PDB file of all heavy atoms in Angstrom:
ATOM      1  N   VAL A   1       9.220  -6.625  -3.465  1.00  0.00           N
ATOM      2  CA  VAL A   1       8.671  -5.348  -3.337  1.00  0.00           C
ATOM      3  C   VAL A   1       7.223  -5.315  -3.883  1.00  0.00           C
ATOM      4  O   VAL A   1       6.892  -5.653  -5.057  1.00  0.00           O
ATOM      5  CB  VAL A   1       9.456  -4.339  -4.360  1.00  0.00           C
ATOM      6  CG1 VAL A   1       8.814  -2.935  -4.316  1.00  0.00           C
ATOM      7  CG2 VAL A   1      10.855  -4.250  -3.839  1.00  0.00           C
ATOM      8  N   TYR A   2       6.261  -4.933  -2.965  1.00  0.00           N
ATOM      9  CA  TYR A   2       4.922  -4.838  -3.402  1.00  0.00           C
ATOM     10  C   TYR A   2       4.672  -3.435  -3.920  1.00  0.00           C
ATOM     11  O   TYR A   2       5.172  -2.530  -3.493  1.00  0.00           O
ATOM     12  CB  TYR A   2       3.997  -5.049  -2.143  1.00  0.00           C
ATOM     13  CG  TYR A   2       3.844  -6.499  -1.783  1.00  0.00           C
ATOM     14  CD1 TYR A   2       4.759  -7.149  -1.096  1.00  0.00           C
ATOM     15  CD2 TYR A   2       2.756  -7.241  -2.043  1.00  0.00           C
ATOM     16  CE1 TYR A   2       4.749  -8.432  -0.690  1.00  0.00           C
ATOM     17  CE2 TYR A   2       2.503  -8.546  -1.737  1.00  0.00           C
ATOM     18  CZ  TYR A   2       3.545  -9.161  -1.016  1.00  0.00           C
ATOM     19  OH  TYR A   2       3.499 -10.463  -0.802  1.00  0.00           O
ATOM     20  N   MET A   3       3.834  -3.434  -4.979  1.00  0.00           N
ATOM     21  CA  MET A   3       3.519  -2.288  -5.714  1.00  0.00           C
ATOM     22  C   MET A   3       2.091  -2.127  -6.073  1.00  0.00           C
ATOM     23  O   MET A   3       1.402  -3.140  -6.294  1.00  0.00           O
ATOM     24  CB  MET A   3       4.472  -2.245  -7.081  1.00  0.00           C
ATOM     25  CG  MET A   3       5.871  -2.763  -6.867  1.00  0.00           C
ATOM     26  SD  MET A   3       6.646  -2.914  -8.529  1.00  0.00           S
ATOM     27  CE  MET A   3       7.454  -1.345  -8.631  1.00  0.00           C
ATOM     28  N   SER A   4       1.604  -0.828  -6.237  1.00  0.00           N
ATOM     29  CA  SER A   4       0.245  -0.540  -6.624  1.00  0.00           C
ATOM     30  C   SER A   4       0.190   0.800  -7.256  1.00  0.00           C
ATOM     31  O   SER A   4       1.072   1.607  -7.154  1.00  0.00           O
ATOM     32  CB  SER A   4      -0.693  -0.712  -5.441  1.00  0.00           C
ATOM     33  OG  SER A   4      -0.500   0.363  -4.538  1.00  0.00           O
ATOM     34  N   TRP A   5      -0.958   0.902  -7.990  1.00  0.00           N
ATOM     35  CA  TRP A   5      -1.093   2.193  -8.616  1.00  0.00           C
ATOM     36  C   TRP A   5      -1.721   3.140  -7.670  1.00  0.00           C
ATOM     37  O   TRP A   5      -2.854   3.185  -7.380  1.00  0.00           O
ATOM     38  CB  TRP A   5      -1.976   2.105  -9.897  1.00  0.00           C
ATOM     39  CG  TRP A   5      -2.041   3.399 -10.737  1.00  0.00           C
ATOM     40  CD1 TRP A   5      -2.976   4.353 -10.618  1.00  0.00           C
ATOM     41  CD2 TRP A   5      -1.017   3.864 -11.618  1.00  0.00           C
ATOM     42  NE1 TRP A   5      -2.502   5.419 -11.531  1.00  0.00           N
ATOM     43  CE2 TRP A   5      -1.396   5.121 -12.195  1.00  0.00           C
ATOM     44  CE3 TRP A   5       0.215   3.288 -12.069  1.00  0.00           C
ATOM     45  CZ2 TRP A   5      -0.620   5.910 -12.988  1.00  0.00           C
ATOM     46  CZ3 TRP A   5       0.984   3.983 -12.986  1.00  0.00           C
ATOM     47  CH2 TRP A   5       0.605   5.250 -13.459  1.00  0.00           C
ATOM     48  N   SER A   6      -0.864   4.101  -7.166  1.00  0.00           N
ATOM     49  CA  SER A   6      -1.193   4.926  -5.976  1.00  0.00           C
ATOM     50  C   SER A   6      -1.263   4.217  -4.765  1.00  0.00           C
ATOM     51  O   SER A   6      -1.408   2.849  -4.787  1.00  0.00           O
ATOM     52  CB  SER A   6      -2.505   5.784  -6.237  1.00  0.00           C
ATOM     53  OG  SER A   6      -3.599   5.137  -5.691  1.00  0.00           O
ATOM     54  N   ASN A   7      -1.224   4.845  -3.566  1.00  0.00           N
ATOM     55  CA  ASN A   7      -1.176   4.054  -2.325  1.00  0.00           C
ATOM     56  C   ASN A   7      -2.654   3.905  -1.814  1.00  0.00           C
ATOM     57  O   ASN A   7      -2.800   3.521  -0.572  1.00  0.00           O
ATOM     58  CB  ASN A   7      -0.270   4.745  -1.192  1.00  0.00           C
ATOM     59  CG  ASN A   7      -0.821   6.140  -0.875  1.00  0.00           C
ATOM     60  OD1 ASN A   7      -1.834   6.572  -1.303  1.00  0.00           O
ATOM     61  ND2 ASN A   7       0.016   6.796  -0.058  1.00  0.00           N
ATOM     62  N   SER A   8      -3.633   4.313  -2.579  1.00  0.00           N
ATOM     63  CA  SER A   8      -5.029   4.066  -2.067  1.00  0.00           C
ATOM     64  C   SER A   8      -5.331   2.700  -1.897  1.00  0.00           C
ATOM     65  O   SER A   8      -6.092   2.387  -0.850  1.00  0.00           O
ATOM     66  CB  SER A   8      -6.020   4.707  -3.108  1.00  0.00           C
ATOM     67  OG  SER A   8      -5.934   4.178  -4.319  1.00  0.00           O
ATOM     68  N   ASP A   9      -4.847   1.755  -2.676  1.00  0.00           N
ATOM     69  CA  ASP A   9      -5.155   0.265  -2.425  1.00  0.00           C
ATOM     70  C   ASP A   9      -4.446  -0.118  -1.123  1.00  0.00           C
ATOM     71  O   ASP A   9      -5.081  -0.884  -0.309  1.00  0.00           O
ATOM     72  CB  ASP A   9      -4.542  -0.573  -3.533  1.00  0.00           C
ATOM     73  CG  ASP A   9      -5.369  -0.347  -4.817  1.00  0.00           C
ATOM     74  OD1 ASP A   9      -5.231   0.622  -5.501  1.00  0.00           O
ATOM     75  OD2 ASP A   9      -6.176  -1.334  -5.124  1.00  0.00           O
ATOM     76  N   LEU A  10      -3.232   0.277  -0.810  1.00  0.00           N
ATOM     77  CA  LEU A  10      -2.561  -0.124   0.399  1.00  0.00           C
ATOM     78  C   LEU A  10      -3.280   0.600   1.607  1.00  0.00           C
ATOM     79  O   LEU A  10      -3.352   0.007   2.637  1.00  0.00           O
ATOM     80  CB  LEU A  10      -1.004   0.474   0.358  1.00  0.00           C
ATOM     81  CG  LEU A  10      -0.156  -0.081   1.466  1.00  0.00           C
ATOM     82  CD1 LEU A  10      -0.125  -1.595   1.513  1.00  0.00           C
ATOM     83  CD2 LEU A  10       1.209   0.514   1.403  1.00  0.00           C
ATOM     84  N   PHE A  11      -3.795   1.829   1.407  1.00  0.00           N
ATOM     85  CA  PHE A  11      -4.480   2.465   2.404  1.00  0.00           C
ATOM     86  C   PHE A  11      -5.859   1.701   2.824  1.00  0.00           C
ATOM     87  O   PHE A  11      -6.031   1.444   4.001  1.00  0.00           O
ATOM     88  CB  PHE A  11      -4.873   3.888   2.012  1.00  0.00           C
ATOM     89  CG  PHE A  11      -5.761   4.637   3.018  1.00  0.00           C
ATOM     90  CD1 PHE A  11      -5.167   5.351   4.072  1.00  0.00           C
ATOM     91  CD2 PHE A  11      -7.131   4.734   2.854  1.00  0.00           C
ATOM     92  CE1 PHE A  11      -5.847   6.074   4.913  1.00  0.00           C
ATOM     93  CE2 PHE A  11      -7.821   5.460   3.658  1.00  0.00           C
ATOM     94  CZ  PHE A  11      -7.318   6.109   4.769  1.00  0.00           C
ATOM     95  N   VAL A  12      -6.553   1.246   1.811  1.00  0.00           N
ATOM     96  CA  VAL A  12      -7.767   0.521   2.038  1.00  0.00           C
ATOM     97  C   VAL A  12      -7.445  -0.864   2.706  1.00  0.00           C
ATOM     98  O   VAL A  12      -8.083  -1.293   3.524  1.00  0.00           O
ATOM     99  CB  VAL A  12      -8.567   0.322   0.768  1.00  0.00           C
ATOM    100  CG1 VAL A  12      -9.667  -0.626   0.915  1.00  0.00           C
ATOM    101  CG2 VAL A  12      -9.146   1.636   0.183  1.00  0.00           C
ATOM    102  N   MET A  13      -6.370  -1.439   2.229  1.00  0.00           N
ATOM    103  CA  MET A  13      -5.875  -2.728   2.737  1.00  0.00           C
ATOM    104  C   MET A  13      -5.528  -2.566   4.195  1.00  0.00           C
ATOM    105  O   MET A  13      -6.021  -3.384   5.125  1.00  0.00           O
ATOM    106  CB  MET A  13      -4.547  -3.365   2.015  1.00  0.00           C
ATOM    107  CG  MET A  13      -4.259  -4.695   2.566  1.00  0.00           C
ATOM    108  SD  MET A  13      -2.569  -5.177   1.954  1.00  0.00           S
ATOM    109  CE  MET A  13      -2.855  -5.258   0.237  1.00  0.00           C
ATOM    110  N   THR A  14      -4.890  -1.476   4.643  1.00  0.00           N
ATOM    111  CA  THR A  14      -4.567  -1.231   6.062  1.00  0.00           C
ATOM    112  C   THR A  14      -5.765  -1.098   6.828  1.00  0.00           C
ATOM    113  O   THR A  14      -5.884  -1.523   7.916  1.00  0.00           O
ATOM    114  CB  THR A  14      -3.542  -0.084   6.112  1.00  0.00           C
ATOM    115  OG1 THR A  14      -2.411  -0.299   5.210  1.00  0.00           O
ATOM    116  CG2 THR A  14      -3.046   0.082   7.474  1.00  0.00           C
ATOM    117  N   GLN A  15      -6.745  -0.298   6.320  1.00  0.00           N
ATOM    118  CA  GLN A  15      -7.950  -0.053   7.018  1.00  0.00           C
ATOM    119  C   GLN A  15      -8.807  -1.417   7.218  1.00  0.00           C
ATOM    120  O   GLN A  15      -9.243  -1.559   8.361  1.00  0.00           O
ATOM    121  CB  GLN A  15      -8.905   0.911   6.172  1.00  0.00           C
ATOM    122  CG  GLN A  15      -8.512   2.360   6.263  1.00  0.00           C
ATOM    123  CD  GLN A  15      -9.544   3.201   5.545  1.00  0.00           C
ATOM    124  OE1 GLN A  15     -10.028   2.849   4.485  1.00  0.00           O
ATOM    125  NE2 GLN A  15      -9.949   4.297   6.183  1.00  0.00           N
ATOM    126  N   ASN A  16      -8.696  -2.190   6.239  1.00  0.00           N
ATOM    127  CA  ASN A  16      -9.458  -3.539   6.393  1.00  0.00           C
ATOM    128  C   ASN A  16      -8.721  -4.433   7.400  1.00  0.00           C
ATOM    129  O   ASN A  16      -9.417  -5.103   8.216  1.00  0.00           O
ATOM    130  CB  ASN A  16      -9.616  -4.269   5.005  1.00  0.00           C
ATOM    131  CG  ASN A  16     -10.695  -3.659   4.190  1.00  0.00           C
ATOM    132  OD1 ASN A  16     -11.559  -4.500   3.784  1.00  0.00           O
ATOM    133  ND2 ASN A  16     -10.774  -2.446   3.895  1.00  0.00           N
ATOM    134  N   PHE A  17      -7.433  -4.354   7.400  1.00  0.00           N
ATOM    135  CA  PHE A  17      -6.666  -5.151   8.379  1.00  0.00           C
ATOM    136  C   PHE A  17      -7.075  -4.674   9.819  1.00  0.00           C
ATOM    137  O   PHE A  17      -7.129  -5.435  10.671  1.00  0.00           O
ATOM    138  CB  PHE A  17      -5.187  -5.164   8.120  1.00  0.00           C
ATOM    139  CG  PHE A  17      -4.763  -6.338   7.337  1.00  0.00           C
ATOM    140  CD1 PHE A  17      -4.701  -6.316   5.919  1.00  0.00           C
ATOM    141  CD2 PHE A  17      -4.169  -7.391   7.995  1.00  0.00           C
ATOM    142  CE1 PHE A  17      -4.442  -7.402   5.274  1.00  0.00           C
ATOM    143  CE2 PHE A  17      -3.706  -8.538   7.274  1.00  0.00           C
ATOM    144  CZ  PHE A  17      -3.822  -8.537   5.820  1.00  0.00           C
ATOM    145  N   THR A  18      -7.048  -3.355  10.009  1.00  0.00           N
ATOM    146  CA  THR A  18      -7.374  -2.789  11.171  1.00  0.00           C
ATOM    147  C   THR A  18      -8.811  -3.244  11.718  1.00  0.00           C
ATOM    148  O   THR A  18      -9.059  -3.554  12.852  1.00  0.00           O
ATOM    149  CB  THR A  18      -7.310  -1.329  11.193  1.00  0.00           C
ATOM    150  OG1 THR A  18      -6.046  -0.813  10.798  1.00  0.00           O
ATOM    151  CG2 THR A  18      -7.652  -0.689  12.527  1.00  0.00           C
ATOM    152  N   GLN A  19      -9.753  -3.299  10.764  1.00  0.00           N
ATOM    153  CA  GLN A  19     -11.061  -3.641  11.079  1.00  0.00           C
ATOM    154  C   GLN A  19     -11.214  -5.245  11.421  1.00  0.00           C
ATOM    155  O   GLN A  19     -11.942  -5.609  12.421  1.00  0.00           O
ATOM    156  CB  GLN A  19     -12.012  -3.436   9.808  1.00  0.00           C
ATOM    157  CG  GLN A  19     -13.488  -3.461  10.173  1.00  0.00           C
ATOM    158  CD  GLN A  19     -13.878  -2.319  11.071  1.00  0.00           C
ATOM    159  OE1 GLN A  19     -13.715  -1.256  10.742  1.00  0.00           O
ATOM    160  NE2 GLN A  19     -14.554  -2.677  12.177  1.00  0.00           N
ATOM    161  N   HIS A  20     -10.384  -6.094  10.747  1.00  0.00           N
ATOM    162  CA  HIS A  20     -10.387  -7.401  10.980  1.00  0.00           C
ATOM    163  C   HIS A  20      -9.518  -7.925  12.136  1.00  0.00           C
ATOM    164  O   HIS A  20      -9.894  -8.961  12.759  1.00  0.00           O
ATOM    165  CB  HIS A  20     -10.066  -8.201   9.728  1.00  0.00           C
ATOM    166  CG  HIS A  20     -11.151  -8.263   8.701  1.00  0.00           C
ATOM    167  ND1 HIS A  20     -12.162  -9.131   8.697  1.00  0.00           N
ATOM    168  CD2 HIS A  20     -11.477  -7.446   7.641  1.00  0.00           C
ATOM    169  CE1 HIS A  20     -12.981  -8.994   7.620  1.00  0.00           C
ATOM    170  NE2 HIS A  20     -12.626  -7.858   6.998  1.00  0.00           N
ATOM    171  N   THR A  21      -8.373  -7.305  12.329  1.00  0.00           N
ATOM    172  CA  THR A  21      -7.454  -7.797  13.256  1.00  0.00           C
ATOM    173  C   THR A  21      -7.106  -6.827  14.445  1.00  0.00           C
ATOM    174  O   THR A  21      -6.534  -7.156  15.441  1.00  0.00           O
ATOM    175  CB  THR A  21      -6.154  -8.093  12.538  1.00  0.00           C
ATOM    176  OG1 THR A  21      -5.465  -6.964  12.219  1.00  0.00           O
ATOM    177  CG2 THR A  21      -6.277  -8.979  11.445  1.00  0.00           C
ATOM    178  N   GLY A  22      -7.559  -5.542  14.267  1.00  0.00           N
ATOM    179  CA  GLY A  22      -7.234  -4.493  15.371  1.00  0.00           C
ATOM    180  C   GLY A  22      -5.791  -3.936  15.158  1.00  0.00           C
ATOM    181  O   GLY A  22      -5.407  -3.108  15.956  1.00  0.00           O
ATOM    182  N   SER A  23      -5.094  -4.385  14.124  1.00  0.00           N
ATOM    183  CA  SER A  23      -3.765  -3.851  13.941  1.00  0.00           C
ATOM    184  C   SER A  23      -3.633  -3.224  12.495  1.00  0.00           C
ATOM    185  O   SER A  23      -4.232  -3.806  11.611  1.00  0.00           O
ATOM    186  CB  SER A  23      -2.672  -4.934  14.135  1.00  0.00           C
ATOM    187  OG  SER A  23      -1.474  -4.457  13.628  1.00  0.00           O
ATOM    188  N   ALA A  24      -3.072  -2.000  12.450  1.00  0.00           N
ATOM    189  CA  ALA A  24      -2.808  -1.367  11.081  1.00  0.00           C
ATOM    190  C   ALA A  24      -1.744  -2.051  10.290  1.00  0.00           C
ATOM    191  O   ALA A  24      -1.609  -1.821   9.180  1.00  0.00           O
ATOM    192  CB  ALA A  24      -2.554   0.029  11.304  1.00  0.00           C
ATOM    193  N   ARG A  25      -0.897  -2.857  10.957  1.00  0.00           N
ATOM    194  CA  ARG A  25       0.287  -3.294  10.285  1.00  0.00           C
ATOM    195  C   ARG A  25      -0.099  -4.589   9.418  1.00  0.00           C
ATOM    196  O   ARG A  25      -0.744  -5.441   9.752  1.00  0.00           O
ATOM    197  CB  ARG A  25       1.414  -3.745  11.177  1.00  0.00           C
ATOM    198  CG  ARG A  25       2.599  -4.154  10.474  1.00  0.00           C
ATOM    199  CD  ARG A  25       3.853  -4.205  11.443  1.00  0.00           C
ATOM    200  NE  ARG A  25       5.092  -4.660  10.688  1.00  0.00           N
ATOM    201  CZ  ARG A  25       6.289  -4.540  11.234  1.00  0.00           C
ATOM    202  NH1 ARG A  25       6.414  -4.192  12.571  1.00  0.00           N
ATOM    203  NH2 ARG A  25       7.324  -4.925  10.596  1.00  0.00           N
ATOM    204  N   VAL A  26       0.443  -4.508   8.088  1.00  0.00           N
ATOM    205  CA  VAL A  26       0.381  -5.626   7.208  1.00  0.00           C
ATOM    206  C   VAL A  26       1.627  -6.319   7.159  1.00  0.00           C
ATOM    207  O   VAL A  26       2.621  -5.889   6.417  1.00  0.00           O
ATOM    208  CB  VAL A  26      -0.194  -5.242   5.806  1.00  0.00           C
ATOM    209  CG1 VAL A  26      -0.301  -6.410   4.915  1.00  0.00           C
ATOM    210  CG2 VAL A  26      -1.374  -4.350   5.889  1.00  0.00           C
ATOM    211  N   ASP A  27       1.791  -7.432   8.037  1.00  0.00           N
ATOM    212  CA  ASP A  27       3.184  -7.872   8.262  1.00  0.00           C
ATOM    213  C   ASP A  27       3.834  -8.444   7.039  1.00  0.00           C
ATOM    214  O   ASP A  27       5.109  -8.430   6.951  1.00  0.00           O
ATOM    215  CB  ASP A  27       3.051  -9.012   9.296  1.00  0.00           C
ATOM    216  CG  ASP A  27       2.853  -8.451  10.755  1.00  0.00           C
ATOM    217  OD1 ASP A  27       3.292  -7.307  10.905  1.00  0.00           O
ATOM    218  OD2 ASP A  27       2.149  -9.102  11.474  1.00  0.00           O
ATOM    219  N   PHE A  28       3.128  -8.897   6.081  1.00  0.00           N
ATOM    220  CA  PHE A  28       3.855  -9.643   4.954  1.00  0.00           C
ATOM    221  C   PHE A  28       4.411  -8.701   3.971  1.00  0.00           C
ATOM    222  O   PHE A  28       5.247  -9.036   3.084  1.00  0.00           O
ATOM    223  CB  PHE A  28       2.920 -10.658   4.288  1.00  0.00           C
ATOM    224  CG  PHE A  28       1.729 -10.056   3.555  1.00  0.00           C
ATOM    225  CD1 PHE A  28       1.762  -9.541   2.248  1.00  0.00           C
ATOM    226  CD2 PHE A  28       0.539  -9.948   4.189  1.00  0.00           C
ATOM    227  CE1 PHE A  28       0.642  -9.054   1.656  1.00  0.00           C
ATOM    228  CE2 PHE A  28      -0.616  -9.400   3.650  1.00  0.00           C
ATOM    229  CZ  PHE A  28      -0.497  -9.003   2.305  1.00  0.00           C
ATOM    230  N   ILE A  29       4.067  -7.372   3.989  1.00  0.00           N
ATOM    231  CA  ILE A  29       4.528  -6.321   3.159  1.00  0.00           C
ATOM    232  C   ILE A  29       5.792  -5.678   3.855  1.00  0.00           C
ATOM    233  O   ILE A  29       5.662  -5.014   4.701  1.00  0.00           O
ATOM    234  CB  ILE A  29       3.469  -5.257   2.614  1.00  0.00           C
ATOM    235  CG1 ILE A  29       2.425  -6.018   1.943  1.00  0.00           C
ATOM    236  CG2 ILE A  29       4.101  -4.179   1.834  1.00  0.00           C
ATOM    237  CD1 ILE A  29       1.394  -5.022   1.356  1.00  0.00           C
ATOM    238  N   LYS A  30       6.986  -5.963   3.297  1.00  0.00           N
ATOM    239  CA  LYS A  30       8.205  -5.432   3.905  1.00  0.00           C
ATOM    240  C   LYS A  30       8.709  -4.205   3.139  1.00  0.00           C
ATOM    241  O   LYS A  30       9.407  -3.281   3.710  1.00  0.00           O
ATOM    242  CB  LYS A  30       9.297  -6.472   3.913  1.00  0.00           C
ATOM    243  CG  LYS A  30       8.904  -7.815   4.511  1.00  0.00           C
ATOM    244  CD  LYS A  30       8.536  -7.782   6.012  1.00  0.00           C
ATOM    245  CE  LYS A  30       8.181  -9.094   6.594  1.00  0.00           C
ATOM    246  NZ  LYS A  30       7.884  -8.946   7.962  1.00  0.00           N
ATOM    247  N   ASN A  31       8.470  -4.190   1.885  1.00  0.00           N
ATOM    248  CA  ASN A  31       8.918  -3.073   0.994  1.00  0.00           C
ATOM    249  C   ASN A  31       7.691  -2.773   0.072  1.00  0.00           C
ATOM    250  O   ASN A  31       6.960  -3.566  -0.493  1.00  0.00           O
ATOM    251  CB  ASN A  31      10.037  -3.532   0.120  1.00  0.00           C
ATOM    252  CG  ASN A  31      11.200  -4.233   0.881  1.00  0.00           C
ATOM    253  OD1 ASN A  31      11.909  -3.506   1.613  1.00  0.00           O
ATOM    254  ND2 ASN A  31      11.350  -5.461   0.789  1.00  0.00           N
ATOM    255  N   TYR A  32       7.558  -1.292  -0.206  1.00  0.00           N
ATOM    256  CA  TYR A  32       6.440  -0.942  -0.983  1.00  0.00           C
ATOM    257  C   TYR A  32       6.864   0.243  -1.899  1.00  0.00           C
ATOM    258  O   TYR A  32       7.732   1.094  -1.471  1.00  0.00           O
ATOM    259  CB  TYR A  32       5.218  -0.494  -0.156  1.00  0.00           C
ATOM    260  CG  TYR A  32       4.215   0.239  -0.908  1.00  0.00           C
ATOM    261  CD1 TYR A  32       3.203  -0.532  -1.664  1.00  0.00           C
ATOM    262  CD2 TYR A  32       4.059   1.502  -0.913  1.00  0.00           C
ATOM    263  CE1 TYR A  32       2.298  -0.052  -2.366  1.00  0.00           C
ATOM    264  CE2 TYR A  32       3.000   2.157  -1.693  1.00  0.00           C
ATOM    265  CZ  TYR A  32       2.183   1.346  -2.494  1.00  0.00           C
ATOM    266  OH  TYR A  32       1.164   1.931  -3.126  1.00  0.00           O
ATOM    267  N   CYS A  33       6.288   0.229  -3.049  1.00  0.00           N
ATOM    268  CA  CYS A  33       6.479   1.301  -4.103  1.00  0.00           C
ATOM    269  C   CYS A  33       5.258   1.738  -4.696  1.00  0.00           C
ATOM    270  O   CYS A  33       4.365   0.828  -5.115  1.00  0.00           O
ATOM    271  CB  CYS A  33       7.436   0.799  -5.208  1.00  0.00           C
ATOM    272  SG  CYS A  33       7.842   2.020  -6.543  1.00  0.00           S
ATOM    273  N   ASP A  34       4.930   3.084  -4.806  1.00  0.00           N
ATOM    274  CA  ASP A  34       3.797   3.672  -5.456  1.00  0.00           C
ATOM    275  C   ASP A  34       4.106   3.766  -6.857  1.00  0.00           C
ATOM    276  O   ASP A  34       4.891   4.725  -7.236  1.00  0.00           O
ATOM    277  CB  ASP A  34       3.507   5.000  -4.670  1.00  0.00           C
ATOM    278  CG  ASP A  34       2.239   5.715  -5.313  1.00  0.00           C
ATOM    279  OD1 ASP A  34       1.903   5.325  -6.344  1.00  0.00           O
ATOM    280  OD2 ASP A  34       1.653   6.561  -4.657  1.00  0.00           O
ATOM    281  N   VAL A  35       3.688   2.950  -7.724  1.00  0.00           N
ATOM    282  CA  VAL A  35       3.994   3.026  -9.217  1.00  0.00           C
ATOM    283  C   VAL A  35       3.452   4.308  -9.876  1.00  0.00           C
ATOM    284  O   VAL A  35       4.057   4.782 -10.804  1.00  0.00           O
ATOM    285  CB  VAL A  35       3.489   1.791  -9.847  1.00  0.00           C
ATOM    286  CG1 VAL A  35       3.921   1.720 -11.404  1.00  0.00           C
ATOM    287  CG2 VAL A  35       3.941   0.560  -9.233  1.00  0.00           C
ATOM    288  N   GLN A  36       2.331   4.770  -9.305  1.00  0.00           N
ATOM    289  CA  GLN A  36       1.785   6.051  -9.903  1.00  0.00           C
ATOM    290  C   GLN A  36       2.767   7.173  -9.692  1.00  0.00           C
ATOM    291  O   GLN A  36       3.163   7.966 -10.691  1.00  0.00           O
ATOM    292  CB  GLN A  36       0.515   6.373  -9.241  1.00  0.00           C
ATOM    293  CG  GLN A  36      -0.151   7.659  -9.788  1.00  0.00           C
ATOM    294  CD  GLN A  36      -1.247   8.129  -8.983  1.00  0.00           C
ATOM    295  OE1 GLN A  36      -1.165   8.425  -7.785  1.00  0.00           O
ATOM    296  NE2 GLN A  36      -2.493   8.241  -9.533  1.00  0.00           N
ATOM    297  N   LYS A  37       3.291   7.342  -8.535  1.00  0.00           N
ATOM    298  CA  LYS A  37       4.209   8.288  -8.211  1.00  0.00           C
ATOM    299  C   LYS A  37       5.438   8.220  -9.100  1.00  0.00           C
ATOM    300  O   LYS A  37       6.137   9.166  -9.529  1.00  0.00           O
ATOM    301  CB  LYS A  37       4.567   8.387  -6.726  1.00  0.00           C
ATOM    302  CG  LYS A  37       5.412   9.632  -6.223  1.00  0.00           C
ATOM    303  CD  LYS A  37       5.625   9.548  -4.655  1.00  0.00           C
ATOM    304  CE  LYS A  37       4.313   9.837  -3.974  1.00  0.00           C
ATOM    305  NZ  LYS A  37       4.577   9.853  -2.480  1.00  0.00           N
ATOM    306  N   TYR A  38       5.997   6.984  -9.199  1.00  0.00           N
ATOM    307  CA  TYR A  38       7.211   6.704  -9.964  1.00  0.00           C
ATOM    308  C   TYR A  38       7.011   7.056 -11.394  1.00  0.00           C
ATOM    309  O   TYR A  38       7.796   7.728 -12.079  1.00  0.00           O
ATOM    310  CB  TYR A  38       7.605   5.205  -9.804  1.00  0.00           C
ATOM    311  CG  TYR A  38       8.688   4.788 -10.729  1.00  0.00           C
ATOM    312  CD1 TYR A  38       9.934   5.070 -10.474  1.00  0.00           C
ATOM    313  CD2 TYR A  38       8.426   4.141 -11.896  1.00  0.00           C
ATOM    314  CE1 TYR A  38      11.089   4.724 -11.378  1.00  0.00           C
ATOM    315  CE2 TYR A  38       9.436   3.697 -12.804  1.00  0.00           C
ATOM    316  CZ  TYR A  38      10.734   3.984 -12.451  1.00  0.00           C
ATOM    317  OH  TYR A  38      11.695   3.663 -13.408  1.00  0.00           O
ATOM    318  N   CYS A  39       5.798   6.544 -12.024  1.00  0.00           N
ATOM    319  CA  CYS A  39       5.572   6.802 -13.406  1.00  0.00           C
ATOM    320  C   CYS A  39       5.460   8.255 -13.679  1.00  0.00           C
ATOM    321  O   CYS A  39       5.783   8.850 -14.723  1.00  0.00           O
ATOM    322  CB  CYS A  39       4.435   6.042 -13.882  1.00  0.00           C
ATOM    323  SG  CYS A  39       4.709   4.243 -14.025  1.00  0.00           S
ATOM    324  N   MET A  40       4.767   9.031 -12.676  1.00  0.00           N
ATOM    325  CA  MET A  40       4.490  10.467 -12.936  1.00  0.00           C
ATOM    326  C   MET A  40       5.842  11.258 -13.050  1.00  0.00           C
ATOM    327  O   MET A  40       5.879  12.337 -13.711  1.00  0.00           O
ATOM    328  CB  MET A  40       3.671  10.989 -11.808  1.00  0.00           C
ATOM    329  CG  MET A  40       2.157  10.612 -11.882  1.00  0.00           C
ATOM    330  SD  MET A  40       1.177  11.424 -10.707  1.00  0.00           S
ATOM    331  CE  MET A  40       1.456  13.151 -11.041  1.00  0.00           C
ATOM    332  N   SER A  41       6.913  10.749 -12.487  1.00  0.00           N
ATOM    333  CA  SER A  41       8.158  11.442 -12.635  1.00  0.00           C
ATOM    334  C   SER A  41       8.698  11.472 -13.976  1.00  0.00           C
ATOM    335  O   SER A  41       9.657  12.175 -14.352  1.00  0.00           O
ATOM    336  CB  SER A  41       9.222  10.783 -11.649  1.00  0.00           C
ATOM    337  OG  SER A  41       9.569   9.470 -12.034  1.00  0.00           O
ATOM    338  N   PHE A  42       8.141  10.591 -14.877  1.00  0.00           N
ATOM    339  CA  PHE A  42       8.573  10.568 -16.283  1.00  0.00           C
ATOM    340  C   PHE A  42       7.620  11.349 -17.220  1.00  0.00           C
ATOM    341  O   PHE A  42       7.884  11.476 -18.449  1.00  0.00           O
ATOM    342  CB  PHE A  42       8.668   9.160 -16.807  1.00  0.00           C
ATOM    343  CG  PHE A  42       9.800   8.365 -16.101  1.00  0.00           C
ATOM    344  CD1 PHE A  42       9.537   7.629 -14.976  1.00  0.00           C
ATOM    345  CD2 PHE A  42      10.940   8.262 -16.661  1.00  0.00           C
ATOM    346  CE1 PHE A  42      10.533   6.861 -14.333  1.00  0.00           C
ATOM    347  CE2 PHE A  42      12.078   7.529 -16.026  1.00  0.00           C
ATOM    348  CZ  PHE A  42      11.814   6.857 -14.925  1.00  0.00           C
ATOM    349  N   ILE A  43       6.535  11.812 -16.647  1.00  0.00           N
ATOM    350  CA  ILE A  43       5.628  12.572 -17.490  1.00  0.00           C
ATOM    351  C   ILE A  43       6.013  14.110 -17.571  1.00  0.00           C
ATOM    352  O   ILE A  43       6.375  14.762 -16.643  1.00  0.00           O
ATOM    353  CB  ILE A  43       4.152  12.492 -16.807  1.00  0.00           C
ATOM    354  CG1 ILE A  43       3.669  11.031 -16.869  1.00  0.00           C
ATOM    355  CG2 ILE A  43       3.195  13.385 -17.693  1.00  0.00           C
ATOM    356  CD1 ILE A  43       2.374  10.865 -16.129  1.00  0.00           C
TER     357      ILE A  43
END
């Protein structure tokens, strides 16, 4: 499970992959969790 603080990092990664490969898909990430959203549920 790949994780990041908010999905902005994943968004920028996807944009960069589109720029470099022409495809929005990041094939090696099969599962993703936004840790910011998860942690905020406890605040």
